[in-house]
Protein backbone atom coordinates (compact mmCIF):
# COMPACT_ATOMS: atom_id res chain seq x y z
CA MET A 1 17.66 16.44 16.18
CA LEU A 2 17.43 16.08 12.39
CA GLN A 3 13.94 15.19 11.25
CA ASN A 4 15.22 12.83 8.57
CA ASN A 5 16.52 10.66 11.41
CA ILE A 6 12.98 10.33 12.76
CA SER A 7 10.35 7.81 11.71
CA VAL A 8 6.76 8.05 12.91
CA VAL A 9 4.93 4.71 13.05
CA ILE A 10 1.13 4.75 13.21
CA PRO A 11 -0.72 1.40 13.46
CA ALA A 12 -4.22 1.66 12.04
CA LYS A 13 -7.25 -0.57 11.64
CA ASN A 14 -10.42 0.83 10.10
CA GLU A 15 -9.46 4.42 10.92
CA ALA A 16 -10.40 5.97 7.57
CA ALA A 17 -12.38 8.71 9.32
CA VAL A 18 -9.36 10.24 11.05
CA VAL A 19 -6.09 8.75 9.78
CA GLU A 20 -5.70 11.41 7.09
CA ASP A 21 -5.90 14.20 9.66
CA VAL A 22 -3.49 12.36 11.96
CA VAL A 23 -0.88 11.99 9.21
CA ARG A 24 -1.24 15.62 8.12
CA GLY A 25 -0.86 16.71 11.72
CA VAL A 26 2.38 14.77 12.08
CA LEU A 27 3.79 16.17 8.82
CA ALA A 28 2.89 19.68 9.94
CA VAL A 29 5.08 19.22 13.03
CA LEU A 30 7.79 17.06 11.41
CA PRO A 31 7.69 17.85 7.68
CA ASP A 32 10.91 15.93 6.89
CA ALA A 33 10.18 12.85 9.00
CA GLN A 34 9.33 9.44 7.58
CA VAL A 35 5.67 8.75 8.38
CA ILE A 36 4.63 5.09 8.23
CA VAL A 37 1.07 3.87 8.57
CA VAL A 38 0.68 0.14 9.08
CA ASP A 39 -2.75 -0.90 7.84
CA ASP A 40 -3.69 -3.92 9.95
CA GLY A 41 -6.13 -5.60 7.59
CA SER A 42 -8.58 -2.69 7.40
CA THR A 43 -11.83 -3.19 5.54
CA ASP A 44 -12.36 0.51 4.86
CA ALA A 45 -10.33 3.19 3.05
CA THR A 46 -7.65 3.54 5.73
CA LYS A 47 -4.84 2.72 3.27
CA GLU A 48 -6.02 5.19 0.61
CA LYS A 49 -6.63 8.00 3.12
CA ALA A 50 -3.19 7.57 4.68
CA GLU A 51 -1.45 7.53 1.31
CA SER A 52 -3.29 10.64 0.16
CA ALA A 53 -2.06 12.45 3.27
CA GLY A 54 1.56 11.61 2.44
CA ALA A 55 2.26 8.52 4.53
CA LEU A 56 4.16 5.43 3.46
CA VAL A 57 1.66 2.60 3.97
CA PHE A 58 2.39 -1.06 4.67
CA SER A 59 -0.63 -3.34 4.69
CA HIS A 60 -1.23 -6.64 6.45
CA LEU A 61 -3.25 -9.02 4.31
CA TYR A 62 -5.36 -9.77 7.38
CA SER A 63 -5.62 -8.35 10.88
CA LYS A 64 -2.73 -9.50 13.04
CA GLY A 65 -3.13 -7.14 16.00
CA ASN A 66 -1.79 -3.82 17.19
CA GLY A 67 1.51 -5.31 18.38
CA ALA A 68 2.09 -6.99 15.02
CA ALA A 69 1.52 -3.64 13.29
CA ILE A 70 4.03 -2.01 15.62
CA LYS A 71 6.62 -4.67 14.77
CA THR A 72 6.02 -4.23 11.04
CA GLY A 73 6.46 -0.47 11.38
CA ALA A 74 9.63 -0.84 13.46
CA ARG A 75 11.14 -3.14 10.84
CA ARG A 76 10.35 -0.71 8.02
CA ALA A 77 11.41 2.46 9.80
CA THR A 78 14.70 3.92 8.59
CA GLY A 79 15.10 6.60 11.25
CA ASP A 80 17.39 6.28 14.24
CA ILE A 81 14.49 7.48 16.38
CA ILE A 82 10.95 6.11 16.16
CA VAL A 83 7.83 7.89 17.34
CA PHE A 84 4.87 5.57 17.95
CA MET A 85 1.35 6.99 18.14
CA ASP A 86 -2.23 5.84 17.57
CA ALA A 87 -4.30 6.55 14.47
CA ASP A 88 -7.55 7.28 16.35
CA SER A 89 -6.70 10.97 16.99
CA GLN A 90 -6.22 10.49 20.76
CA HIS A 91 -2.57 11.48 20.52
CA ARG A 92 -1.82 15.04 19.50
CA ALA A 93 1.01 15.57 17.03
CA SER A 94 1.72 18.87 18.79
CA ASP A 95 3.01 16.85 21.78
CA ILE A 96 5.74 15.15 19.72
CA PRO A 97 8.26 18.04 20.10
CA ARG A 98 7.85 17.85 23.89
CA LEU A 99 8.63 14.12 23.87
CA LEU A 100 11.61 14.68 21.55
CA GLU A 101 12.88 17.48 23.78
CA ARG A 102 12.94 15.14 26.77
CA PHE A 103 14.44 12.36 24.61
CA ASN A 104 17.29 14.67 23.60
CA GLU A 105 18.27 14.98 27.26
CA GLY A 106 19.74 11.49 26.91
CA TYR A 107 16.84 9.11 27.50
CA ASP A 108 16.38 5.92 25.48
CA MET A 109 12.59 6.00 25.63
CA VAL A 110 10.13 8.77 26.49
CA VAL A 111 6.48 7.93 27.04
CA GLY A 112 3.49 10.25 26.89
CA ALA A 113 1.75 9.67 30.22
CA ARG A 114 -1.99 10.32 30.08
CA SER A 115 -3.55 12.44 32.80
CA THR A 116 -6.38 11.16 34.98
CA GLY A 117 -8.91 13.12 32.95
CA SER A 118 -7.69 11.49 29.73
CA GLN A 119 -8.81 8.00 30.72
CA ALA A 120 -11.73 6.60 28.74
CA SER A 121 -13.70 5.52 31.83
CA TYR A 122 -13.40 5.06 35.59
CA GLY A 123 -12.97 1.34 35.04
CA ARG A 124 -10.08 1.93 32.64
CA LEU A 125 -8.55 4.44 35.10
CA ALA A 126 -8.74 1.93 37.98
CA ALA A 127 -7.24 -0.84 35.86
CA ASN A 128 -4.40 1.35 34.57
CA THR A 129 -3.64 2.57 38.10
CA LEU A 130 -3.35 -1.04 39.26
CA TYR A 131 -1.12 -1.92 36.31
CA ASN A 132 1.13 1.09 36.92
CA ARG A 133 1.61 0.25 40.60
CA MET A 134 2.34 -3.41 39.93
CA ALA A 135 4.82 -2.53 37.20
CA SER A 136 6.49 0.06 39.45
CA TRP A 137 6.99 -2.62 42.10
CA MET A 138 8.36 -5.05 39.52
CA VAL A 139 10.92 -2.71 38.00
CA GLY A 140 11.79 -0.65 41.08
CA HIS A 141 11.04 2.61 39.25
CA ARG A 142 7.96 4.75 39.01
CA VAL A 143 5.85 3.83 35.98
CA ASP A 144 3.41 6.65 35.21
CA ASP A 145 1.58 5.03 32.28
CA LEU A 146 2.27 1.39 31.47
CA THR A 147 -0.17 1.08 28.58
CA SER A 148 0.38 4.34 26.68
CA GLY A 149 1.03 3.81 22.97
CA PHE A 150 2.48 7.31 22.50
CA ARG A 151 6.25 7.14 22.86
CA VAL A 152 9.64 8.02 21.39
CA VAL A 153 12.30 5.30 21.35
CA ARG A 154 15.81 4.70 20.17
CA ALA A 155 15.21 2.43 17.18
CA SER A 156 18.18 0.10 17.64
CA TYR A 157 17.22 -0.58 21.26
CA PHE A 158 13.55 -1.11 20.44
CA ARG A 159 14.33 -3.73 17.80
CA GLN A 160 16.23 -5.81 20.35
CA PHE A 161 12.89 -6.75 21.92
CA LEU A 162 10.76 -7.39 18.86
CA HIS A 163 10.74 -11.12 19.57
CA LEU A 164 9.22 -10.44 23.01
CA LEU A 165 6.41 -8.21 21.80
CA PRO A 166 2.98 -9.87 21.56
CA ASN A 167 0.82 -9.35 18.50
CA GLY A 168 -2.07 -7.97 20.55
CA PHE A 169 -2.63 -4.71 22.38
CA SER A 170 -0.07 -5.11 25.16
CA TYR A 171 3.12 -4.13 23.38
CA PRO A 172 3.53 -0.96 25.57
CA THR A 173 3.57 -3.12 28.70
CA THR A 174 6.19 -5.47 27.32
CA ILE A 175 8.51 -2.85 25.85
CA THR A 176 8.38 -0.64 28.95
CA MET A 177 9.35 -3.41 31.33
CA SER A 178 11.95 -4.77 28.89
CA PHE A 179 13.65 -1.36 28.69
CA PHE A 180 13.78 -1.13 32.48
CA ARG A 181 15.10 -4.71 32.73
CA SER A 182 17.94 -3.94 30.32
CA GLY A 183 18.98 -0.81 32.18
CA TYR A 184 17.88 1.65 29.52
CA SER A 185 16.75 5.13 30.57
CA VAL A 186 12.99 5.74 30.51
CA SER A 187 11.16 8.99 31.19
CA TYR A 188 7.57 10.22 31.12
CA VAL A 189 6.03 13.44 29.81
CA PRO A 190 2.46 14.34 30.89
CA ILE A 191 -0.01 14.62 28.00
CA GLU A 192 -3.71 15.17 27.53
CA ALA A 193 -5.23 12.47 25.35
CA ALA A 194 -8.30 13.42 23.35
CA LYS A 195 -11.39 11.26 23.13
CA ARG A 196 -10.91 8.73 20.36
CA VAL A 197 -12.93 8.89 17.16
CA GLY A 198 -14.79 5.66 16.47
CA LYS A 199 -15.09 2.49 18.52
CA SER A 200 -12.24 1.18 20.64
CA HIS A 201 -10.80 -2.20 19.71
CA ILE A 202 -10.03 -2.94 23.39
CA SER A 203 -12.56 -4.58 25.70
CA LEU A 204 -11.95 -3.89 29.39
CA SER A 205 -13.61 -7.15 30.49
CA LYS A 206 -11.84 -9.32 27.93
CA ASP A 207 -8.47 -7.58 27.65
CA GLY A 208 -8.15 -6.48 31.30
CA ILE A 209 -7.32 -9.99 32.51
CA ARG A 210 -5.04 -10.43 29.51
CA PHE A 211 -3.10 -7.29 30.49
CA LEU A 212 -2.81 -8.57 34.05
CA LEU A 213 -1.46 -11.92 32.87
CA ILE A 214 1.01 -10.15 30.63
CA ILE A 215 2.31 -8.13 33.57
CA PHE A 216 2.99 -11.38 35.43
CA LYS A 217 4.51 -12.89 32.29
CA ILE A 218 6.83 -9.95 31.77
CA GLY A 219 7.46 -9.90 35.51
CA THR A 220 8.86 -13.41 35.27
CA LEU A 221 11.00 -12.24 32.35
CA TYR A 222 12.04 -9.13 34.24
CA SER A 223 12.62 -10.23 37.85
CA PRO A 224 11.22 -13.69 38.66
CA LEU A 225 12.20 -13.65 42.32
CA LYS A 226 9.91 -10.68 42.91
CA LEU A 227 7.04 -12.97 41.97
CA PHE A 228 8.26 -16.28 43.35
CA SER A 229 9.66 -15.01 46.68
CA PRO A 230 6.38 -13.65 48.13
CA ILE A 231 4.55 -16.82 47.13
CA SER A 232 7.29 -18.94 48.67
CA ALA A 233 7.20 -16.83 51.84
CA PHE A 234 3.41 -17.23 52.04
CA PHE A 235 3.64 -21.05 52.01
CA PHE A 236 6.55 -20.99 54.47
CA LEU A 237 4.72 -18.76 56.95
CA THR A 238 1.51 -20.77 56.57
CA GLY A 239 3.46 -23.98 57.23
CA SER A 240 5.15 -22.41 60.27
CA PHE A 241 1.89 -21.23 61.82
CA TYR A 242 0.22 -24.56 61.09
CA TYR A 243 3.14 -26.47 62.64
CA LEU A 244 2.98 -24.23 65.72
CA TYR A 245 -0.75 -24.89 66.00
CA THR A 246 -0.46 -28.68 65.62
CA TYR A 247 2.55 -28.85 67.96
CA MET A 248 0.70 -27.01 70.72
CA SER A 249 -2.59 -28.87 70.18
CA ALA A 250 -1.38 -32.38 69.31
CA GLY A 251 2.35 -32.31 70.00
CA ARG A 252 3.34 -33.47 66.52
CA PHE A 253 4.59 -32.39 63.10
CA THR A 254 1.89 -33.10 60.52
CA ASN A 255 2.04 -34.07 56.86
CA MET A 256 0.33 -30.78 55.93
CA SER A 257 3.13 -28.78 57.51
CA ALA A 258 5.67 -30.86 55.64
CA LEU A 259 3.79 -30.27 52.37
CA LEU A 260 3.63 -26.52 52.94
CA PHE A 261 7.36 -26.31 53.75
CA SER A 262 8.23 -28.43 50.71
CA THR A 263 6.08 -26.28 48.46
CA SER A 264 7.78 -23.17 49.78
CA VAL A 265 11.25 -24.55 49.00
CA ILE A 266 10.24 -25.78 45.54
CA ILE A 267 8.73 -22.40 44.57
CA PHE A 268 11.81 -20.54 45.81
CA LEU A 269 14.13 -22.83 43.85
CA MET A 270 11.98 -22.34 40.75
CA GLY A 271 12.42 -18.60 41.24
CA LEU A 272 16.20 -18.98 41.44
CA ILE A 273 16.27 -21.03 38.24
CA SER A 274 14.01 -18.52 36.48
CA GLU A 275 16.30 -15.70 37.61
CA GLN A 276 19.28 -17.40 36.00
CA ILE A 277 17.35 -18.05 32.77
CA THR A 278 16.30 -14.39 32.72
CA SER A 279 19.90 -13.26 33.09
CA LEU A 280 20.88 -15.42 30.13
CA ALA A 281 17.96 -14.13 28.06
CA TYR A 282 19.04 -10.52 28.53
CA SER A 283 22.77 -11.09 28.11
CA GLY A 284 24.73 -11.27 24.88
CA ARG A 285 21.98 -9.67 22.83
CA GLY A 286 23.29 -8.98 19.34
CA PRO A 287 23.11 -5.59 17.66
CA ALA A 288 19.94 -4.54 15.91
CA ARG A 289 19.85 -4.88 12.15
CA SER A 290 21.05 -1.94 10.17
CA THR A 291 18.73 0.52 8.46
CA ASP A 292 20.30 -0.52 5.14
CA GLU A 293 19.06 -4.08 5.65
CA ILE A 294 15.64 -2.78 6.60
CA SER A 295 15.37 -0.44 3.63
CA ASN A 296 16.41 -3.25 1.31
CA GLY A 297 13.47 -5.29 2.56
CA LYS A 298 15.47 -8.07 4.22
CA ASN A 299 13.31 -7.85 7.32
CA ARG A 300 10.01 -8.04 5.45
CA SER A 301 7.64 -10.46 7.13
CA ASP A 302 5.36 -12.87 5.31
CA GLY A 303 1.92 -11.58 4.48
CA ASP A 304 2.87 -7.88 4.30
CA LYS A 305 2.67 -5.70 1.25
CA ILE A 306 3.22 -2.08 0.36
């Protein structure tokens, strides 16, 4: 794979202490690749350090979030293949060739799956395990690491889902499930993530519930009936058992049983409608914009500067 067809996108916010080393590490592995650092409203010397290391830097005038930085980088990238990695030194540039090797086998996205020992804490490990299992059930495929930000993607496919990506920290969740929903090939490569330098921008207590809600949100975009059907079945079974109880004890069909049955039907019909809307949302998707348009700046978003 030619390196000049590869862009490496690194979102960064106040990572002046390590971003220079991260960029130099990437260029040591991929000397001809385009390296883009998206400075998400940093208040330190992140921009200057990244530029001195040889990266092309795009700056947000204010902090928009990790997902917004990813979208900015994807719009600016000119390579047919995009490598996404963090600027906090957790992801090793030496792992990029392994991801690219798997990608060259024909996959559309390859994700660096962190080992158990790479998790920041037991709480984070438990949360990520729950997310992975829920996502695996949603998509019908094994998801080894739903929240990893270290991945290689086919650029044209990735840009098809930019409008779905949130501006916060959950872009990996959204893009992973969107790729599975569209029938693209996804694979995982085990990696060892180093301990990050500096303070994490993610709060487990605050962002954990947000991640969970996003899984349900993407689940409704991916396969609504997998969410609506169990809920509908729960109300139906509850109504059936309650009707059996009231019939045997009082010999009648109660209003509560009628309400439970009605709720079950309504939820199931909502699931059917959502399934049809989902099919329409993922059908007839136009081609991604060309790299010529991107390089000419036609995709530049408001509030960004070089």
